[in-house]
C-alpha atoms as a PDB file:
ATOM      1  CA  MET A   1     -72.777  54.760  56.486  1.00  0.00           C
ATOM      2  CA  GLN A   2     -69.148  54.761  57.541  1.00  0.00           C
ATOM      3  CA  CYS A   3     -67.196  51.596  58.331  1.00  0.00           C
ATOM      4  CA  LEU A   4     -63.515  51.588  59.185  1.00  0.00           C
ATOM      5  CA  GLY A   5     -61.589  48.429  59.843  1.00  0.00           C
ATOM      6  CA  LEU A   6     -58.986  45.932  58.867  1.00  0.00           C
ATOM      7  CA  ARG A   7     -59.790  44.575  55.413  1.00  0.00           C
ATOM      8  CA  GLY A   8     -56.595  43.335  53.758  1.00  0.00           C
ATOM      9  CA  VAL A   9     -56.994  39.832  52.346  1.00  0.00           C
ATOM     10  CA  ALA A  10     -54.073  38.292  54.245  1.00  0.00           C
ATOM     11  CA  ALA A  11     -55.172  39.819  57.545  1.00  0.00           C
ATOM     12  CA  VAL A  12     -58.799  38.794  57.084  1.00  0.00           C
ATOM     13  CA  VAL A  13     -57.760  35.209  56.274  1.00  0.00           C
ATOM     14  CA  GLY A  14     -55.447  35.187  59.295  1.00  0.00           C
ATOM     15  CA  VAL A  15     -58.227  36.346  61.603  1.00  0.00           C
ATOM     16  CA  GLY A  16     -60.582  33.745  60.108  1.00  0.00           C
ATOM     17  CA  GLN A  17     -58.016  31.001  60.603  1.00  0.00           C
ATOM     18  CA  GLY A  18     -57.470  32.226  64.150  1.00  0.00           C
ATOM     19  CA  GLU A  19     -61.138  31.567  64.887  1.00  0.00           C
ATOM     20  CA  LEU A  20     -60.928  27.889  63.961  1.00  0.00           C
ATOM     21  CA  PRO A  21     -60.918  25.352  66.811  1.00  0.00           C
ATOM     22  CA  GLN A  22     -57.496  23.947  65.894  1.00  0.00           C
ATOM     23  CA  ARG A  23     -55.882  27.418  66.130  1.00  0.00           C
ATOM     24  CA  ALA A  24     -54.418  26.621  69.549  1.00  0.00           C
ATOM     25  CA  GLU A  25     -52.655  23.590  68.107  1.00  0.00           C
ATOM     26  CA  VAL A  26     -51.171  25.100  64.949  1.00  0.00           C
ATOM     27  CA  GLY A  27     -51.255  28.865  65.473  1.00  0.00           C
ATOM     28  CA  VAL A  28     -51.663  31.623  62.914  1.00  0.00           C
ATOM     29  CA  ARG A  29     -48.849  33.998  61.968  1.00  0.00           C
ATOM     30  CA  TRP A  30     -49.134  37.123  59.824  1.00  0.00           C
ATOM     31  CA  LEU A  31     -45.972  38.260  58.011  1.00  0.00           C
ATOM     32  CA  SER A  32     -45.973  41.787  56.671  1.00  0.00           C
ATOM     33  CA  ARG A  33     -44.622  45.283  57.129  1.00  0.00           C
ATOM     34  CA  VAL A  34     -46.445  48.229  58.670  1.00  0.00           C
ATOM     35  CA  GLY A  35     -45.422  51.797  59.294  1.00  0.00           C
ATOM     36  CA  ASP A  36     -44.397  52.979  62.744  1.00  0.00           C
ATOM     37  CA  ASP A  37     -47.542  55.097  62.911  1.00  0.00           C
ATOM     38  CA  ALA A  38     -51.037  55.039  64.391  1.00  0.00           C
ATOM     39  CA  GLY A  39     -52.360  52.933  61.502  1.00  0.00           C
ATOM     40  CA  GLY A  40     -49.637  50.321  61.830  1.00  0.00           C
ATOM     41  CA  HIS A  41     -50.033  50.090  65.585  1.00  0.00           C
ATOM     42  CA  ALA A  42     -53.817  49.747  65.208  1.00  0.00           C
ATOM     43  CA  VAL A  43     -53.405  46.891  62.713  1.00  0.00           C
ATOM     44  CA  LEU A  44     -51.053  45.042  65.060  1.00  0.00           C
ATOM     45  CA  ALA A  45     -53.320  45.580  68.070  1.00  0.00           C
ATOM     46  CA  HIS A  46     -56.328  44.280  66.128  1.00  0.00           C
ATOM     47  CA  LEU A  47     -54.496  41.152  64.981  1.00  0.00           C
ATOM     48  CA  ARG A  48     -53.106  40.457  68.463  1.00  0.00           C
ATOM     49  CA  ALA A  49     -56.626  40.752  69.885  1.00  0.00           C
ATOM     50  CA  GLU A  50     -57.693  38.085  67.365  1.00  0.00           C
ATOM     51  CA  CYS A  51     -54.881  35.745  68.543  1.00  0.00           C
ATOM     52  CA  VAL A  52     -52.836  36.190  65.373  1.00  0.00           C
ATOM     53  CA  ASP A  53     -49.059  36.028  65.931  1.00  0.00           C
ATOM     54  CA  VAL A  54     -47.518  39.240  64.613  1.00  0.00           C
ATOM     55  CA  GLY A  55     -43.976  38.442  65.762  1.00  0.00           C
ATOM     56  CA  GLY A  56     -42.776  38.350  62.158  1.00  0.00           C
ATOM     57  CA  VAL A  57     -44.135  41.787  61.240  1.00  0.00           C
ATOM     58  CA  GLU A  58     -41.572  44.461  60.458  1.00  0.00           C
ATOM     59  CA  VAL A  59     -42.391  47.927  61.793  1.00  0.00           C
ATOM     60  CA  ASP A  60     -40.857  50.417  59.352  1.00  0.00           C
ATOM     61  CA  SER A  61     -40.054  53.867  60.725  1.00  0.00           C
ATOM     62  CA  GLN A  62     -39.317  55.185  57.220  1.00  0.00           C
ATOM     63  CA  ARG A  63     -42.705  54.467  55.603  1.00  0.00           C
ATOM     64  CA  ALA A  64     -46.368  54.981  56.394  1.00  0.00           C
ATOM     65  CA  THR A  65     -48.820  52.130  56.743  1.00  0.00           C
ATOM     66  CA  GLY A  66     -50.655  51.586  53.470  1.00  0.00           C
ATOM     67  CA  ALA A  67     -54.398  52.033  53.349  1.00  0.00           C
ATOM     68  CA  PHE A  68     -57.227  51.998  50.894  1.00  0.00           C
ATOM     69  CA  ILE A  69     -60.579  53.712  50.985  1.00  0.00           C
ATOM     70  CA  ARG A  70     -63.554  52.081  49.303  1.00  0.00           C
ATOM     71  CA  ASP A  71     -66.590  54.243  48.678  1.00  0.00           C
ATOM     72  CA  SER A  72     -69.627  52.249  47.655  1.00  0.00           C
ATOM     73  CA  HIS A  73     -73.181  53.458  47.352  1.00  0.00           C
ATOM     74  CA  PRO A  74     -76.059  51.849  45.447  1.00  0.00           C
ATOM     75  CA  SER A  75     -76.611  54.946  43.294  1.00  0.00           C
ATOM     76  CA  ARG A  76     -73.045  55.337  41.981  1.00  0.00           C
ATOM     77  CA  PRO A  77     -70.065  53.257  40.872  1.00  0.00           C
ATOM     78  CA  ILE A  78     -67.650  51.947  43.511  1.00  0.00           C
ATOM     79  CA  GLU A  79     -64.557  54.091  43.938  1.00  0.00           C
ATOM     80  CA  VAL A  80     -61.308  52.917  45.526  1.00  0.00           C
ATOM     81  CA  ALA A  81     -58.334  55.062  46.500  1.00  0.00           C
ATOM     82  CA  TYR A  82     -54.992  53.661  47.677  1.00  0.00           C
ATOM     83  CA  HIS A  83     -52.690  55.597  49.996  1.00  0.00           C
END
């Protein structure tokens, strides 16, 4: 089974907070840096779609968006690779 998506702790918490009823009153802002690449643009689009304010995110043209790959299967140990 393959599952790709946004999984960083800060982003997941931001999306969760954005789903709360009081979100419209207080708002949710995510502060970070992403690369000026397909991955960075996808992260920002996902967060915007979840009503998370990404106005404080820096888009860095000199670096790639970080990513990690988690491979988990019941018959073997979990492996994680960071890129």
